Amino acid sequence: MHQDIENENLFLFYENWENRELWQIHMNNKHLSEYMKVTEGAVEEFTLNEMTKID
């Protein structure tokens, strides 16, 4: 987790996954749905960027 230097209310989670299948398993885990419940109303915007590495 990273925090913006100029905006202490802006956070970034940066994750690398071996493959998309493992990432999908992670995204469907219970802890992620629990996070969404406890942060409901506290997160102004949630943006998910799925990207690919350029060699």
N, C-alpha and C. Protein backbone atom coordinates (compact mmCIF):
# COMPACT_ATOMS: atom_id res chain seq x y z
N MET A 1 0.86 -1.18 0.00
CA MET A 1 0.00 0.00 0.00
C MET A 1 0.90 1.23 0.00
N HIS A 2 0.54 2.20 -0.80
CA HIS A 2 1.29 3.45 -0.89
C HIS A 2 0.33 4.61 -0.58
N GLN A 3 0.90 5.68 -0.02
CA GLN A 3 0.13 6.87 0.29
C GLN A 3 0.71 8.05 -0.49
N ASP A 4 -0.15 8.84 -1.10
CA ASP A 4 0.27 10.00 -1.87
C ASP A 4 0.97 11.02 -0.98
N ILE A 5 2.05 11.60 -1.47
CA ILE A 5 2.83 12.57 -0.69
C ILE A 5 2.06 13.87 -0.47
N GLU A 6 1.30 14.29 -1.46
CA GLU A 6 0.60 15.57 -1.36
C GLU A 6 -0.83 15.43 -0.84
N ASN A 7 -1.40 14.23 -0.91
CA ASN A 7 -2.78 14.01 -0.45
C ASN A 7 -2.80 12.77 0.44
N GLU A 8 -2.79 12.98 1.73
CA GLU A 8 -2.71 11.87 2.69
C GLU A 8 -3.95 10.98 2.66
N ASN A 9 -5.00 11.40 1.96
CA ASN A 9 -6.21 10.61 1.84
C ASN A 9 -6.26 9.75 0.58
N LEU A 10 -5.18 9.76 -0.19
CA LEU A 10 -5.11 9.00 -1.43
C LEU A 10 -4.14 7.83 -1.26
N PHE A 11 -4.65 6.62 -1.48
CA PHE A 11 -3.85 5.41 -1.30
C PHE A 11 -3.83 4.61 -2.59
N LEU A 12 -2.77 3.85 -2.76
CA LEU A 12 -2.62 3.01 -3.94
C LEU A 12 -2.15 1.64 -3.49
N PHE A 13 -2.86 0.62 -3.92
CA PHE A 13 -2.41 -0.75 -3.73
C PHE A 13 -1.80 -1.19 -5.06
N TYR A 14 -0.56 -1.62 -5.01
CA TYR A 14 0.14 -2.08 -6.22
C TYR A 14 0.47 -3.55 -6.03
N GLU A 15 -0.07 -4.37 -6.91
CA GLU A 15 0.13 -5.82 -6.78
C GLU A 15 0.57 -6.40 -8.11
N ASN A 16 1.45 -7.38 -8.03
CA ASN A 16 1.86 -8.15 -9.20
C ASN A 16 1.43 -9.59 -8.99
N TRP A 17 0.81 -10.15 -9.99
CA TRP A 17 0.34 -11.53 -9.91
C TRP A 17 1.01 -12.38 -10.97
N GLU A 18 1.29 -13.62 -10.63
CA GLU A 18 1.94 -14.55 -11.55
C GLU A 18 1.09 -14.77 -12.80
N ASN A 19 -0.23 -14.82 -12.61
CA ASN A 19 -1.12 -14.96 -13.76
C ASN A 19 -2.51 -14.45 -13.38
N ARG A 20 -3.34 -14.28 -14.40
CA ARG A 20 -4.67 -13.72 -14.18
C ARG A 20 -5.56 -14.66 -13.36
N GLU A 21 -5.40 -15.94 -13.54
CA GLU A 21 -6.20 -16.92 -12.79
C GLU A 21 -5.98 -16.78 -11.28
N LEU A 22 -4.74 -16.64 -10.85
CA LEU A 22 -4.45 -16.45 -9.42
C LEU A 22 -5.02 -15.13 -8.91
N TRP A 23 -4.96 -14.11 -9.74
CA TRP A 23 -5.52 -12.81 -9.36
C TRP A 23 -7.03 -12.92 -9.18
N GLN A 24 -7.68 -13.63 -10.09
CA GLN A 24 -9.13 -13.81 -9.99
C GLN A 24 -9.52 -14.56 -8.72
N ILE A 25 -8.75 -15.56 -8.35
CA ILE A 25 -8.99 -16.28 -7.10
C ILE A 25 -8.89 -15.32 -5.91
N HIS A 26 -7.87 -14.50 -5.93
CA HIS A 26 -7.67 -13.49 -4.87
C HIS A 26 -8.87 -12.53 -4.82
N MET A 27 -9.30 -12.05 -5.97
CA MET A 27 -10.39 -11.09 -6.02
C MET A 27 -11.70 -11.68 -5.51
N ASN A 28 -11.85 -12.98 -5.56
CA ASN A 28 -13.07 -13.63 -5.09
C ASN A 28 -12.97 -14.14 -3.64
N ASN A 29 -11.85 -13.84 -2.98
CA ASN A 29 -11.66 -14.27 -1.60
C ASN A 29 -12.54 -13.48 -0.63
N LYS A 30 -12.81 -14.11 0.50
CA LYS A 30 -13.67 -13.52 1.53
C LYS A 30 -13.11 -12.20 2.07
N HIS A 31 -11.79 -12.12 2.22
CA HIS A 31 -11.23 -10.91 2.83
C HIS A 31 -11.48 -9.66 2.00
N LEU A 32 -11.57 -9.80 0.68
CA LEU A 32 -11.83 -8.64 -0.16
C LEU A 32 -13.28 -8.16 0.00
N SER A 33 -14.22 -9.08 0.07
CA SER A 33 -15.61 -8.67 0.29
C SER A 33 -15.78 -8.06 1.68
N GLU A 34 -15.03 -8.55 2.66
CA GLU A 34 -15.07 -7.97 4.01
C GLU A 34 -14.50 -6.56 4.00
N TYR A 35 -13.42 -6.35 3.25
CA TYR A 35 -12.83 -5.00 3.12
C TYR A 35 -13.86 -4.04 2.52
N MET A 36 -14.55 -4.48 1.47
CA MET A 36 -15.55 -3.63 0.83
C MET A 36 -16.67 -3.26 1.81
N LYS A 37 -17.05 -4.20 2.68
CA LYS A 37 -18.10 -3.93 3.66
C LYS A 37 -17.65 -2.90 4.70
N VAL A 38 -16.45 -3.07 5.26
CA VAL A 38 -16.00 -2.18 6.33
C VAL A 38 -15.61 -0.80 5.81
N THR A 39 -15.32 -0.68 4.53
CA THR A 39 -14.96 0.63 3.98
C THR A 39 -16.13 1.30 3.25
N GLU A 40 -17.29 0.67 3.25
CA GLU A 40 -18.45 1.24 2.57
C GLU A 40 -18.75 2.63 3.11
N GLY A 41 -18.85 3.60 2.21
CA GLY A 41 -19.09 4.98 2.59
C GLY A 41 -17.83 5.75 2.94
N ALA A 42 -16.72 5.05 3.14
CA ALA A 42 -15.46 5.72 3.49
C ALA A 42 -14.55 5.89 2.27
N VAL A 43 -14.82 5.14 1.21
CA VAL A 43 -13.99 5.21 0.00
C VAL A 43 -14.76 6.01 -1.04
N GLU A 44 -14.17 7.15 -1.40
CA GLU A 44 -14.82 8.03 -2.37
C GLU A 44 -14.84 7.42 -3.77
N GLU A 45 -13.72 6.81 -4.13
CA GLU A 45 -13.60 6.24 -5.47
C GLU A 45 -12.69 5.02 -5.41
N PHE A 46 -13.07 3.98 -6.10
CA PHE A 46 -12.27 2.76 -6.18
C PHE A 46 -12.04 2.49 -7.66
N THR A 47 -10.78 2.57 -8.07
CA THR A 47 -10.43 2.35 -9.47
C THR A 47 -9.51 1.15 -9.56
N LEU A 48 -9.85 0.24 -10.44
CA LEU A 48 -9.04 -0.95 -10.65
C LEU A 48 -8.51 -0.92 -12.07
N ASN A 49 -7.19 -0.90 -12.20
CA ASN A 49 -6.55 -0.94 -13.51
C ASN A 49 -5.86 -2.27 -13.68
N GLU A 50 -6.34 -3.04 -14.62
CA GLU A 50 -5.70 -4.32 -14.93
C GLU A 50 -4.73 -4.06 -16.08
N MET A 51 -3.46 -4.34 -15.86
CA MET A 51 -2.43 -3.98 -16.82
C MET A 51 -1.55 -5.18 -17.15
N THR A 52 -0.74 -5.00 -18.17
CA THR A 52 0.20 -6.04 -18.55
C THR A 52 1.61 -5.45 -18.61
N LYS A 53 2.57 -6.24 -18.27
CA LYS A 53 3.96 -5.79 -18.25
C LYS A 53 4.52 -5.76 -19.67
N ILE A 54 5.25 -4.72 -19.96
CA ILE A 54 5.92 -4.60 -21.26
C ILE A 54 7.39 -4.97 -21.07
N ASP A 55 7.80 -5.96 -21.80
CA ASP A 55 9.21 -6.40 -21.69
C ASP A 55 10.12 -5.57 -22.56
